[in-house]
C-alpha cells in the first residue's frame, strides 16, 4: 500500500510516499480503505518531533479520516462495505488503516467521506468546548482565537446557535471576512491592540464572559480580556506554550482557567457515537457549515503540510489517497 511517511524530523520535505506492507489486523480491528484524510497541526508537530512517537521509522502521521470497511477481525456491529470515519486512530495517512472497532463511527448517507474527514476532529472539539469546558448561555459574550481556522469557524457558528455574541481574532483581512461570514459579530486582527478592542466589544466595556484560547502564548492577554469572574478555556498551543499563570491573579479577579482536551471527552465508543450523531445532524440540517480550504492528493502531502503550516488556510485541509 502507499503511505505518506517520514524517517527523520524536519520540514515538509522529509515527507515521502512509500510502498509499505499492508497493516496487520489485530483482534477487535477493522481494515479501512481510506477515501479522505484530515490534516491537522498535530501532524505537523509530530513531523517536527515536538510530540512523542512510538516505534521506529518510517513513521506514518495522521489520526483522522474516512473510508470503507474492507475486513474485520472479530465481531462488531460493522460489516465490509460500511462507510466509516474516525478522529483518533493512528497511521491515517495511508491507503489502508487498521482501526479499533470502538474508534469507528458509521457515516450517515448524507455525510460524504470528505465531510467526515474534515469535520470529525475539529467539530467534536468545538462541541466539547461549548458543552463541557464552558456551557455557553444565551446572551453571553465569547472570544474565539484563530477564528478562521477549522475549529474557530465551527466554534463561531455553534456559539451563535446557542445565542451568544462572538468576537473573533484572526491574522489577516481575508480571515476576518471568513470569520464574519461564519457569523461573528465583530472580528479583530492580532496586529491590533486587541485586548482593549475585545473589552470594548463587551456591552459592559469590562470584558467578555469566556475566551477560547487555542494559541497558548496569548493566554495572559485572554485573561485580561475577560470581565471580573470570566472564564478562559485553554485548548491549544499553536503559538507556543503560555507563560505560567499565578493563582493569585485568578483569586484577585475571580476568574477561572480551564484546560481542554478532546481525548478526555471521547472516553468510550458510546461517547463517540452520541457526540458524532449530534454533529452530523447539525451539518446535515445546515445549522453548521464546514469549510474546506484545499484538498491535496496523498502524493502531495509535503505540499499540503507546507500550505497548512504557512497559516494561510481558511478551514480544513484534506488529503485524498
C-alpha atoms as a PDB file:
ATOM      1  CA  UNK A   1       0.000   0.000   0.000  1.00  0.00           C
ATOM      2  CA  UNK A   2       1.039   3.642  -0.436  1.00  0.00           C
ATOM      3  CA  UNK A   3       1.581   5.723   2.696  1.00  0.00           C
ATOM      4  CA  UNK A   4       2.805   9.230   3.432  1.00  0.00           C
ATOM      5  CA  UNK A   5       5.620   8.878   5.946  1.00  0.00           C
ATOM      6  CA  UNK A   6       8.879  10.321   7.263  1.00  0.00           C
ATOM      7  CA  UNK A   7      12.129   8.799   8.518  1.00  0.00           C
ATOM      8  CA  UNK A   8      13.593  11.876  10.208  1.00  0.00           C
ATOM      9  CA  UNK A   9      12.221  15.013  11.843  1.00  0.00           C
ATOM     10  CA  UNK A  10      12.144  18.259   9.918  1.00  0.00           C
ATOM     11  CA  UNK A  11      10.222  20.384   7.457  1.00  0.00           C
ATOM     12  CA  UNK A  12       7.646  19.246   4.904  1.00  0.00           C
ATOM     13  CA  UNK A  13      10.446  17.981   2.673  1.00  0.00           C
ATOM     14  CA  UNK A  14      11.036  14.957   4.945  1.00  0.00           C
ATOM     15  CA  UNK A  15       7.633  13.571   3.915  1.00  0.00           C
ATOM     16  CA  UNK A  16       7.684  10.911   1.186  1.00  0.00           C
ATOM     17  CA  UNK A  17       5.132   8.498  -0.218  1.00  0.00           C
ATOM     18  CA  UNK A  18       6.427   4.959   0.119  1.00  0.00           C
ATOM     19  CA  UNK A  19       5.171   1.470  -0.652  1.00  0.00           C
ATOM     20  CA  UNK A  20       4.756  -0.270   2.688  1.00  0.00           C
ATOM     21  CA  UNK A  21       3.256  -3.618   3.752  1.00  0.00           C
ATOM     22  CA  UNK A  22      -0.450  -3.607   4.484  1.00  0.00           C
ATOM     23  CA  UNK A  23      -1.162  -3.188   8.206  1.00  0.00           C
ATOM     24  CA  UNK A  24      -1.794  -6.298  10.258  1.00  0.00           C
ATOM     25  CA  UNK A  25      -5.330  -6.682  11.584  1.00  0.00           C
ATOM     26  CA  UNK A  26      -5.322  -7.434  15.318  1.00  0.00           C
ATOM     27  CA  UNK A  27      -8.456  -8.741  17.051  1.00  0.00           C
ATOM     28  CA  UNK A  28     -11.031  -6.003  17.520  1.00  0.00           C
ATOM     29  CA  UNK A  29      -9.875  -4.033  14.483  1.00  0.00           C
ATOM     30  CA  UNK A  30     -11.290  -3.238  11.056  1.00  0.00           C
ATOM     31  CA  UNK A  31      -9.277  -2.667   7.900  1.00  0.00           C
ATOM     32  CA  UNK A  32     -10.404   0.626   6.324  1.00  0.00           C
ATOM     33  CA  UNK A  33      -9.616   1.690   2.772  1.00  0.00           C
ATOM     34  CA  UNK A  34      -9.210   5.447   3.130  1.00  0.00           C
ATOM     35  CA  UNK A  35     -11.167   7.818   0.900  1.00  0.00           C
ATOM     36  CA  UNK A  36     -10.323  11.124   2.614  1.00  0.00           C
ATOM     37  CA  UNK A  37      -7.891  12.118   5.373  1.00  0.00           C
ATOM     38  CA  UNK A  38      -7.965  15.156   7.651  1.00  0.00           C
ATOM     39  CA  UNK A  39      -4.715  17.099   8.050  1.00  0.00           C
ATOM     40  CA  UNK A  40      -4.163  18.750  11.428  1.00  0.00           C
ATOM     41  CA  UNK A  41      -1.481  20.806  13.141  1.00  0.00           C
ATOM     42  CA  UNK A  42      -0.769  17.815  15.376  1.00  0.00           C
ATOM     43  CA  UNK A  43       0.561  16.059  12.263  1.00  0.00           C
ATOM     44  CA  UNK A  44       2.995  18.948  11.756  1.00  0.00           C
ATOM     45  CA  UNK A  45       4.130  18.776  15.383  1.00  0.00           C
ATOM     46  CA  UNK A  46       4.776  15.038  15.045  1.00  0.00           C
ATOM     47  CA  UNK A  47       6.720  15.549  11.830  1.00  0.00           C
ATOM     48  CA  UNK A  48       8.887  18.142  13.594  1.00  0.00           C
ATOM     49  CA  UNK A  49       9.484  15.877  16.594  1.00  0.00           C
ATOM     50  CA  UNK A  50       7.545  18.050  19.060  1.00  0.00           C
ATOM     51  CA  UNK A  51       5.273  15.143  20.005  1.00  0.00           C
ATOM     52  CA  UNK A  52       6.384  11.725  21.206  1.00  0.00           C
ATOM     53  CA  UNK A  53       6.354   8.984  18.565  1.00  0.00           C
ATOM     54  CA  UNK A  54       6.466   5.280  19.398  1.00  0.00           C
ATOM     55  CA  UNK A  55       8.313   2.688  17.352  1.00  0.00           C
ATOM     56  CA  UNK A  56      10.904   3.052  14.636  1.00  0.00           C
ATOM     57  CA  UNK A  57      10.774   4.874  11.293  1.00  0.00           C
ATOM     58  CA  UNK A  58       9.184   5.085   8.859  1.00  0.00           C
ATOM     59  CA  UNK A  59       6.509   6.930  10.835  1.00  0.00           C
ATOM     60  CA  UNK A  60       3.058   7.412   9.298  1.00  0.00           C
ATOM     61  CA  UNK A  61       1.317  10.557  10.577  1.00  0.00           C
ATOM     62  CA  UNK A  62      -2.415  11.220  10.755  1.00  0.00           C
ATOM     63  CA  UNK A  63      -5.256  10.390  13.137  1.00  0.00           C
ATOM     64  CA  UNK A  64      -8.405  11.406  11.262  1.00  0.00           C
ATOM     65  CA  UNK A  65     -10.170  10.203   8.152  1.00  0.00           C
ATOM     66  CA  UNK A  66     -12.972   8.323   6.484  1.00  0.00           C
ATOM     67  CA  UNK A  67     -13.261   5.300   4.249  1.00  0.00           C
ATOM     68  CA  UNK A  68     -14.786   1.890   3.573  1.00  0.00           C
ATOM     69  CA  UNK A  69     -14.536  -1.177   5.796  1.00  0.00           C
ATOM     70  CA  UNK A  70     -12.734  -3.932   3.883  1.00  0.00           C
ATOM     71  CA  UNK A  71     -12.313  -6.609   6.558  1.00  0.00           C
ATOM     72  CA  UNK A  72     -12.880  -7.212  10.272  1.00  0.00           C
ATOM     73  CA  UNK A  73     -11.128  -9.312  12.887  1.00  0.00           C
ATOM     74  CA  UNK A  74     -13.838 -10.085  15.405  1.00  0.00           C
ATOM     75  CA  UNK A  75     -17.499  -9.385  15.957  1.00  0.00           C
ATOM     76  CA  UNK A  76     -18.881  -5.865  15.828  1.00  0.00           C
ATOM     77  CA  UNK A  77     -21.895  -4.022  14.509  1.00  0.00           C
ATOM     78  CA  UNK A  78     -19.939  -3.270  11.342  1.00  0.00           C
ATOM     79  CA  UNK A  79     -19.571  -5.243   8.136  1.00  0.00           C
ATOM     80  CA  UNK A  80     -17.469  -4.975   4.967  1.00  0.00           C
ATOM     81  CA  UNK A  81     -18.685  -2.176   2.735  1.00  0.00           C
ATOM     82  CA  UNK A  82     -19.766   0.108   5.597  1.00  0.00           C
ATOM     83  CA  UNK A  83     -18.824   3.781   5.307  1.00  0.00           C
ATOM     84  CA  UNK A  84     -16.991   4.902   8.441  1.00  0.00           C
ATOM     85  CA  UNK A  85     -14.996   7.762   9.895  1.00  0.00           C
ATOM     86  CA  UNK A  86     -12.660   8.207  12.862  1.00  0.00           C
ATOM     87  CA  UNK A  87     -10.974  11.046  14.716  1.00  0.00           C
ATOM     88  CA  UNK A  88      -8.380   9.286  16.861  1.00  0.00           C
ATOM     89  CA  UNK A  89      -6.739   6.276  15.238  1.00  0.00           C
ATOM     90  CA  UNK A  90      -3.049   6.431  14.225  1.00  0.00           C
ATOM     91  CA  UNK A  91      -1.339   5.932  10.843  1.00  0.00           C
ATOM     92  CA  UNK A  92      -4.198   7.548   8.911  1.00  0.00           C
ATOM     93  CA  UNK A  93      -2.013   8.935   6.108  1.00  0.00           C
ATOM     94  CA  UNK A  94      -2.157   5.702   4.138  1.00  0.00           C
ATOM     95  CA  UNK A  95      -4.367   3.848   1.690  1.00  0.00           C
ATOM     96  CA  UNK A  96      -5.217   1.216   4.328  1.00  0.00           C
ATOM     97  CA  UNK A  97      -5.568   1.715   8.099  1.00  0.00           C
ATOM     98  CA  UNK A  98      -6.312  -0.775  10.880  1.00  0.00           C
ATOM     99  CA  UNK A  99      -8.761   0.951  13.225  1.00  0.00           C
ATOM    100  CA  UNK A 100     -10.103  -0.353  16.568  1.00  0.00           C
ATOM    101  CA  UNK A 101     -13.834  -1.069  16.452  1.00  0.00           C
ATOM    102  CA  UNK A 102     -14.570   1.400  19.254  1.00  0.00           C
ATOM    103  CA  UNK A 103     -12.945   4.278  17.358  1.00  0.00           C
ATOM    104  CA  UNK A 104     -15.104   3.843  14.231  1.00  0.00           C
ATOM    105  CA  UNK A 105     -18.214   5.908  13.544  1.00  0.00           C
ATOM    106  CA  UNK A 106     -20.643   4.776  10.854  1.00  0.00           C
ATOM    107  CA  UNK A 107     -21.409   7.625   8.449  1.00  0.00           C
ATOM    108  CA  UNK A 108     -24.981   8.647   7.577  1.00  0.00           C
ATOM    109  CA  UNK A 109     -25.749   8.693   3.865  1.00  0.00           C
ATOM    110  CA  UNK A 110     -25.908  12.496   3.922  1.00  0.00           C
ATOM    111  CA  UNK A 111     -22.295  12.764   5.165  1.00  0.00           C
ATOM    112  CA  UNK A 112     -19.631  12.370   2.474  1.00  0.00           C
ATOM    113  CA  UNK A 113     -16.164  10.968   3.105  1.00  0.00           C
ATOM    114  CA  UNK A 114     -14.710  14.444   2.609  1.00  0.00           C
ATOM    115  CA  UNK A 115     -17.145  15.989   5.077  1.00  0.00           C
ATOM    116  CA  UNK A 116     -16.410  13.334   7.699  1.00  0.00           C
ATOM    117  CA  UNK A 117     -12.641  13.676   7.318  1.00  0.00           C
ATOM    118  CA  UNK A 118     -12.901  17.447   7.514  1.00  0.00           C
ATOM    119  CA  UNK A 119     -15.401  17.583  10.345  1.00  0.00           C
ATOM    120  CA  UNK A 120     -14.855  14.943  12.998  1.00  0.00           C
ATOM    121  CA  UNK A 121     -11.785  16.084  14.912  1.00  0.00           C
ATOM    122  CA  UNK A 122     -12.469  19.802  14.796  1.00  0.00           C
ATOM    123  CA  UNK A 123     -16.243  19.511  15.036  1.00  0.00           C
ATOM    124  CA  UNK A 124     -16.048  17.276  18.100  1.00  0.00           C
ATOM    125  CA  UNK A 125     -13.573  19.773  19.578  1.00  0.00           C
ATOM    126  CA  UNK A 126     -15.934  22.714  19.046  1.00  0.00           C
ATOM    127  CA  UNK A 127     -18.719  20.627  20.559  1.00  0.00           C
ATOM    128  CA  UNK A 128     -16.938  19.842  23.828  1.00  0.00           C
ATOM    129  CA  UNK A 129     -15.752  23.434  24.125  1.00  0.00           C
ATOM    130  CA  UNK A 130     -19.316  24.817  24.129  1.00  0.00           C
ATOM    131  CA  UNK A 131     -20.880  21.943  26.076  1.00  0.00           C
ATOM    132  CA  UNK A 132     -18.244  20.663  28.520  1.00  0.00           C
ATOM    133  CA  UNK A 133     -15.444  23.200  29.013  1.00  0.00           C
ATOM    134  CA  UNK A 134     -17.864  26.144  29.209  1.00  0.00           C
ATOM    135  CA  UNK A 135     -21.575  25.624  28.623  1.00  0.00           C
ATOM    136  CA  UNK A 136     -22.500  28.735  26.667  1.00  0.00           C
ATOM    137  CA  UNK A 137     -25.630  30.536  27.802  1.00  0.00           C
ATOM    138  CA  UNK A 138     -27.920  32.825  25.795  1.00  0.00           C
ATOM    139  CA  UNK A 139     -26.576  36.370  25.762  1.00  0.00           C
ATOM    140  CA  UNK A 140     -23.008  35.528  26.768  1.00  0.00           C
ATOM    141  CA  UNK A 141     -20.122  37.322  25.093  1.00  0.00           C
ATOM    142  CA  UNK A 142     -17.487  34.989  23.648  1.00  0.00           C
ATOM    143  CA  UNK A 143     -13.939  35.499  22.376  1.00  0.00           C
ATOM    144  CA  UNK A 144     -12.693  32.957  19.788  1.00  0.00           C
ATOM    145  CA  UNK A 145      -8.995  32.815  18.954  1.00  0.00           C
ATOM    146  CA  UNK A 146      -7.856  31.667  15.481  1.00  0.00           C
ATOM    147  CA  UNK A 147     -11.402  32.354  14.391  1.00  0.00           C
ATOM    148  CA  UNK A 148     -10.837  31.441  10.728  1.00  0.00           C
ATOM    149  CA  UNK A 149      -9.282  28.044  11.464  1.00  0.00           C
ATOM    150  CA  UNK A 150     -11.158  24.763  11.288  1.00  0.00           C
ATOM    151  CA  UNK A 151     -12.165  24.792  14.959  1.00  0.00           C
ATOM    152  CA  UNK A 152     -12.645  28.560  15.037  1.00  0.00           C
ATOM    153  CA  UNK A 153     -15.174  28.696  12.192  1.00  0.00           C
ATOM    154  CA  UNK A 154     -17.231  25.888  13.734  1.00  0.00           C
ATOM    155  CA  UNK A 155     -16.937  27.389  17.222  1.00  0.00           C
ATOM    156  CA  UNK A 156     -18.291  30.726  15.998  1.00  0.00           C
ATOM    157  CA  UNK A 157     -21.286  29.032  14.381  1.00  0.00           C
ATOM    158  CA  UNK A 158     -22.020  26.853  17.430  1.00  0.00           C
ATOM    159  CA  UNK A 159     -21.759  29.778  19.846  1.00  0.00           C
ATOM    160  CA  UNK A 160     -24.197  31.771  17.690  1.00  0.00           C
ATOM    161  CA  UNK A 161     -26.614  28.810  17.621  1.00  0.00           C
ATOM    162  CA  UNK A 162     -26.556  28.903  21.423  1.00  0.00           C
ATOM    163  CA  UNK A 163     -27.400  32.611  21.495  1.00  0.00           C
ATOM    164  CA  UNK A 164     -24.008  34.166  22.198  1.00  0.00           C
ATOM    165  CA  UNK A 165     -22.388  37.322  20.848  1.00  0.00           C
ATOM    166  CA  UNK A 166     -18.991  36.466  19.342  1.00  0.00           C
ATOM    167  CA  UNK A 167     -15.794  38.418  18.722  1.00  0.00           C
ATOM    168  CA  UNK A 168     -13.068  36.643  16.765  1.00  0.00           C
ATOM    169  CA  UNK A 169      -9.318  37.116  16.493  1.00  0.00           C
ATOM    170  CA  UNK A 170      -7.553  36.474  13.155  1.00  0.00           C
ATOM    171  CA  UNK A 171      -4.260  37.251  11.422  1.00  0.00           C
ATOM    172  CA  UNK A 172      -5.374  38.690   8.069  1.00  0.00           C
ATOM    173  CA  UNK A 173      -8.135  40.610   6.325  1.00  0.00           C
ATOM    174  CA  UNK A 174      -9.134  37.513   4.329  1.00  0.00           C
ATOM    175  CA  UNK A 175      -9.544  35.599   7.576  1.00  0.00           C
ATOM    176  CA  UNK A 176     -11.534  38.489   9.055  1.00  0.00           C
ATOM    177  CA  UNK A 177     -14.021  38.164   6.205  1.00  0.00           C
ATOM    178  CA  UNK A 178     -14.229  34.389   6.689  1.00  0.00           C
ATOM    179  CA  UNK A 179     -14.965  34.762  10.414  1.00  0.00           C
ATOM    180  CA  UNK A 180     -17.606  37.402   9.731  1.00  0.00           C
ATOM    181  CA  UNK A 181     -19.116  35.077   7.128  1.00  0.00           C
ATOM    182  CA  UNK A 182     -19.345  32.358   9.782  1.00  0.00           C
ATOM    183  CA  UNK A 183     -21.453  34.694  11.928  1.00  0.00           C
ATOM    184  CA  UNK A 184     -19.021  36.546  14.197  1.00  0.00           C
ATOM    185  CA  UNK A 185     -20.428  39.859  15.403  1.00  0.00           C
ATOM    186  CA  UNK A 186     -17.023  41.502  15.280  1.00  0.00           C
ATOM    187  CA  UNK A 187     -13.527  40.389  14.236  1.00  0.00           C
ATOM    188  CA  UNK A 188     -10.231  41.930  15.356  1.00  0.00           C
ATOM    189  CA  UNK A 189      -6.743  41.414  13.890  1.00  0.00           C
ATOM    190  CA  UNK A 190      -3.937  40.118  16.106  1.00  0.00           C
ATOM    191  CA  UNK A 191      -1.814  43.024  14.846  1.00  0.00           C
ATOM    192  CA  UNK A 192      -4.212  45.450  16.535  1.00  0.00           C
ATOM    193  CA  UNK A 193      -4.237  46.292  20.241  1.00  0.00           C
ATOM    194  CA  UNK A 194      -6.785  43.551  20.625  1.00  0.00           C
ATOM    195  CA  UNK A 195      -7.283  43.310  24.389  1.00  0.00           C
ATOM    196  CA  UNK A 196      -8.907  46.786  24.653  1.00  0.00           C
ATOM    197  CA  UNK A 197     -10.817  46.059  21.434  1.00  0.00           C
ATOM    198  CA  UNK A 198     -12.286  42.868  22.924  1.00  0.00           C
ATOM    199  CA  UNK A 199     -13.160  44.612  26.182  1.00  0.00           C
ATOM    200  CA  UNK A 200     -14.821  47.395  24.177  1.00  0.00           C
ATOM    201  CA  UNK A 201     -16.841  44.758  22.293  1.00  0.00           C
ATOM    202  CA  UNK A 202     -18.498  43.685  25.526  1.00  0.00           C
ATOM    203  CA  UNK A 203     -21.685  45.518  26.450  1.00  0.00           C
ATOM    204  CA  UNK A 204     -20.241  46.446  29.843  1.00  0.00           C
ATOM    205  CA  UNK A 205     -16.904  47.521  28.415  1.00  0.00           C
ATOM    206  CA  UNK A 206     -15.169  45.446  31.079  1.00  0.00           C
ATOM    207  CA  UNK A 207     -14.560  42.212  29.153  1.00  0.00           C
ATOM    208  CA  UNK A 208     -16.180  39.100  27.707  1.00  0.00           C
ATOM    209  CA  UNK A 209     -17.650  36.173  29.618  1.00  0.00           C
ATOM    210  CA  UNK A 210     -15.464  33.466  28.087  1.00  0.00           C
ATOM    211  CA  UNK A 211     -12.313  33.303  25.956  1.00  0.00           C
ATOM    212  CA  UNK A 212     -11.470  30.176  23.936  1.00  0.00           C
ATOM    213  CA  UNK A 213      -7.688  30.237  23.501  1.00  0.00           C
ATOM    214  CA  UNK A 214      -6.011  27.769  21.125  1.00  0.00           C
ATOM    215  CA  UNK A 215      -2.875  29.883  20.657  1.00  0.00           C
ATOM    216  CA  UNK A 216      -1.333  29.400  24.103  1.00  0.00           C
ATOM    217  CA  UNK A 217       1.171  32.249  24.072  1.00  0.00           C
ATOM    218  CA  UNK A 218      -1.781  34.666  24.252  1.00  0.00           C
ATOM    219  CA  UNK A 219      -3.276  33.203  27.421  1.00  0.00           C
ATOM    220  CA  UNK A 220      -2.328  36.102  29.709  1.00  0.00           C
ATOM    221  CA  UNK A 221      -3.933  38.531  27.254  1.00  0.00           C
ATOM    222  CA  UNK A 222      -7.052  36.366  27.080  1.00  0.00           C
ATOM    223  CA  UNK A 223      -7.370  36.625  30.859  1.00  0.00           C
ATOM    224  CA  UNK A 224      -7.019  40.397  30.581  1.00  0.00           C
ATOM    225  CA  UNK A 225      -9.844  40.480  28.024  1.00  0.00           C
ATOM    226  CA  UNK A 226     -12.260  38.774  30.453  1.00  0.00           C
ATOM    227  CA  UNK A 227     -14.661  40.552  32.769  1.00  0.00           C
ATOM    228  CA  UNK A 228     -14.260  40.022  36.501  1.00  0.00           C
ATOM    229  CA  UNK A 229     -15.443  36.463  37.119  1.00  0.00           C
ATOM    230  CA  UNK A 230     -14.886  35.477  33.470  1.00  0.00           C
ATOM    231  CA  UNK A 231     -13.700  32.115  32.193  1.00  0.00           C
ATOM    232  CA  UNK A 232     -10.701  31.285  29.980  1.00  0.00           C
ATOM    233  CA  UNK A 233     -10.587  27.913  28.202  1.00  0.00           C
ATOM    234  CA  UNK A 234      -7.080  26.898  27.109  1.00  0.00           C
ATOM    235  CA  UNK A 235      -7.141  24.125  24.490  1.00  0.00           C
ATOM    236  CA  UNK A 236      -4.153  24.571  22.188  1.00  0.00           C
ATOM    237  CA  UNK A 237      -0.634  25.920  21.736  1.00  0.00           C
ATOM    238  CA  UNK A 238      -0.441  26.894  18.064  1.00  0.00           C
ATOM    239  CA  UNK A 239       1.605  29.947  19.077  1.00  0.00           C
ATOM    240  CA  UNK A 240       3.703  28.239  21.742  1.00  0.00           C
ATOM    241  CA  UNK A 241       3.458  27.461  25.440  1.00  0.00           C
ATOM    242  CA  UNK A 242       1.883  30.145  27.644  1.00  0.00           C
ATOM    243  CA  UNK A 243       3.812  31.817  30.403  1.00  0.00           C
ATOM    244  CA  UNK A 244       2.911  30.361  33.826  1.00  0.00           C
ATOM    245  CA  UNK A 245      -0.269  31.752  35.401  1.00  0.00           C
ATOM    246  CA  UNK A 246      -0.086  32.868  39.005  1.00  0.00           C
ATOM    247  CA  UNK A 247      -3.032  31.519  41.046  1.00  0.00           C
ATOM    248  CA  UNK A 248      -3.137  34.883  42.852  1.00  0.00           C
ATOM    249  CA  UNK A 249      -4.216  36.509  39.568  1.00  0.00           C
ATOM    250  CA  UNK A 250      -7.219  34.190  39.367  1.00  0.00           C
ATOM    251  CA  UNK A 251      -8.100  34.793  43.007  1.00  0.00           C
ATOM    252  CA  UNK A 252      -7.876  38.585  42.793  1.00  0.00           C
ATOM    253  CA  UNK A 253     -10.081  38.781  39.681  1.00  0.00           C
ATOM    254  CA  UNK A 254     -12.378  35.826  40.456  1.00  0.00           C
ATOM    255  CA  UNK A 255     -11.518  34.440  37.017  1.00  0.00           C
ATOM    256  CA  UNK A 256     -11.478  30.768  36.085  1.00  0.00           C
ATOM    257  CA  UNK A 257      -8.986  28.903  33.887  1.00  0.00           C
ATOM    258  CA  UNK A 258      -9.938  25.547  32.401  1.00  0.00           C
ATOM    259  CA  UNK A 259      -7.856  23.204  30.284  1.00  0.00           C
ATOM    260  CA  UNK A 260      -9.476  21.338  27.414  1.00  0.00           C
ATOM    261  CA  UNK A 261      -8.557  18.146  25.576  1.00  0.00           C
ATOM    262  CA  UNK A 262     -10.838  16.148  23.295  1.00  0.00           C
ATOM    263  CA  UNK A 263      -9.387  12.802  24.378  1.00  0.00           C
ATOM    264  CA  UNK A 264     -10.623  13.370  27.926  1.00  0.00           C
ATOM    265  CA  UNK A 265     -14.154  13.634  26.498  1.00  0.00           C
ATOM    266  CA  UNK A 266     -14.118  10.777  23.957  1.00  0.00           C
ATOM    267  CA  UNK A 267     -13.669   8.091  26.589  1.00  0.00           C
ATOM    268  CA  UNK A 268     -15.946   5.361  25.243  1.00  0.00           C
ATOM    269  CA  UNK A 269     -17.466   4.186  21.988  1.00  0.00           C
ATOM    270  CA  UNK A 270     -20.820   5.487  23.189  1.00  0.00           C
ATOM    271  CA  UNK A 271     -19.273   8.948  23.710  1.00  0.00           C
ATOM    272  CA  UNK A 272     -18.080   8.955  20.118  1.00  0.00           C
ATOM    273  CA  UNK A 273     -21.353   7.749  18.630  1.00  0.00           C
ATOM    274  CA  UNK A 274     -23.604  10.112  20.589  1.00  0.00           C
ATOM    275  CA  UNK A 275     -21.454  13.177  20.035  1.00  0.00           C
ATOM    276  CA  UNK A 276     -20.881  12.421  16.351  1.00  0.00           C
ATOM    277  CA  UNK A 277     -24.622  11.895  15.804  1.00  0.00           C
ATOM    278  CA  UNK A 278     -25.344  15.403  17.108  1.00  0.00           C
ATOM    279  CA  UNK A 279     -22.547  16.834  14.989  1.00  0.00           C
ATOM    280  CA  UNK A 280     -23.720  15.091  11.817  1.00  0.00           C
ATOM    281  CA  UNK A 281     -27.276  16.225  12.472  1.00  0.00           C
ATOM    282  CA  UNK A 282     -26.283  19.876  12.707  1.00  0.00           C
ATOM    283  CA  UNK A 283     -24.264  19.654   9.497  1.00  0.00           C
ATOM    284  CA  UNK A 284     -26.983  17.761   7.621  1.00  0.00           C
ATOM    285  CA  UNK A 285     -29.556  20.383   8.626  1.00  0.00           C
ATOM    286  CA  UNK A 286     -27.315  23.235   7.504  1.00  0.00           C
ATOM    287  CA  UNK A 287     -27.042  24.668  11.015  1.00  0.00           C
ATOM    288  CA  UNK A 288     -23.267  24.109  10.882  1.00  0.00           C
ATOM    289  CA  UNK A 289     -21.297  24.584   7.677  1.00  0.00           C
ATOM    290  CA  UNK A 290     -17.902  23.016   7.064  1.00  0.00           C
ATOM    291  CA  UNK A 291     -15.345  24.979   5.066  1.00  0.00           C
ATOM    292  CA  UNK A 292     -12.720  23.007   3.126  1.00  0.00           C
ATOM    293  CA  UNK A 293      -9.657  25.161   2.473  1.00  0.00           C
ATOM    294  CA  UNK A 294      -7.980  22.788  -0.002  1.00  0.00           C
ATOM    295  CA  UNK A 295      -7.584  19.149  -0.976  1.00  0.00           C
ATOM    296  CA  UNK A 296      -4.291  17.528  -1.977  1.00  0.00           C
ATOM    297  CA  UNK A 297      -3.500  14.071  -3.373  1.00  0.00           C
ATOM    298  CA  UNK A 298      -1.738  11.885  -0.805  1.00  0.00           C
ATOM    299  CA  UNK A 299       1.350  12.051  -3.014  1.00  0.00           C
ATOM    300  CA  UNK A 300       1.431  15.835  -2.497  1.00  0.00           C
ATOM    301  CA  UNK A 301       1.436  15.503   1.279  1.00  0.00           C
ATOM    302  CA  UNK A 302       4.551  17.673   1.634  1.00  0.00           C
ATOM    303  CA  UNK A 303       2.806  20.498  -0.209  1.00  0.00           C
ATOM    304  CA  UNK A 304      -0.270  20.069   1.978  1.00  0.00           C
ATOM    305  CA  UNK A 305       1.866  20.343   5.128  1.00  0.00           C
ATOM    306  CA  UNK A 306       3.590  23.456   3.793  1.00  0.00           C
ATOM    307  CA  UNK A 307       0.228  25.028   2.965  1.00  0.00           C
ATOM    308  CA  UNK A 308      -1.231  24.372   6.426  1.00  0.00           C
ATOM    309  CA  UNK A 309       1.969  25.382   8.191  1.00  0.00           C
ATOM    310  CA  UNK A 310       2.038  28.644   6.244  1.00  0.00           C
ATOM    311  CA  UNK A 311      -1.097  29.745   8.179  1.00  0.00           C
ATOM    312  CA  UNK A 312      -2.898  30.792   5.025  1.00  0.00           C
ATOM    313  CA  UNK A 313      -5.539  28.054   5.144  1.00  0.00           C
ATOM    314  CA  UNK A 314      -9.090  29.134   5.931  1.00  0.00           C
ATOM    315  CA  UNK A 315     -10.880  25.975   7.037  1.00  0.00           C
ATOM    316  CA  UNK A 316      -9.820  22.347   6.734  1.00  0.00           C
ATOM    317  CA  UNK A 317      -7.084  20.772   4.595  1.00  0.00           C
ATOM    318  CA  UNK A 318      -7.706  17.256   3.248  1.00  0.00           C
ATOM    319  CA  UNK A 319      -5.517  14.543   1.745  1.00  0.00           C
ATOM    320  CA  UNK A 320      -7.087  12.233  -0.834  1.00  0.00           C
ATOM    321  CA  UNK A 321      -5.457   8.785  -1.311  1.00  0.00           C
END
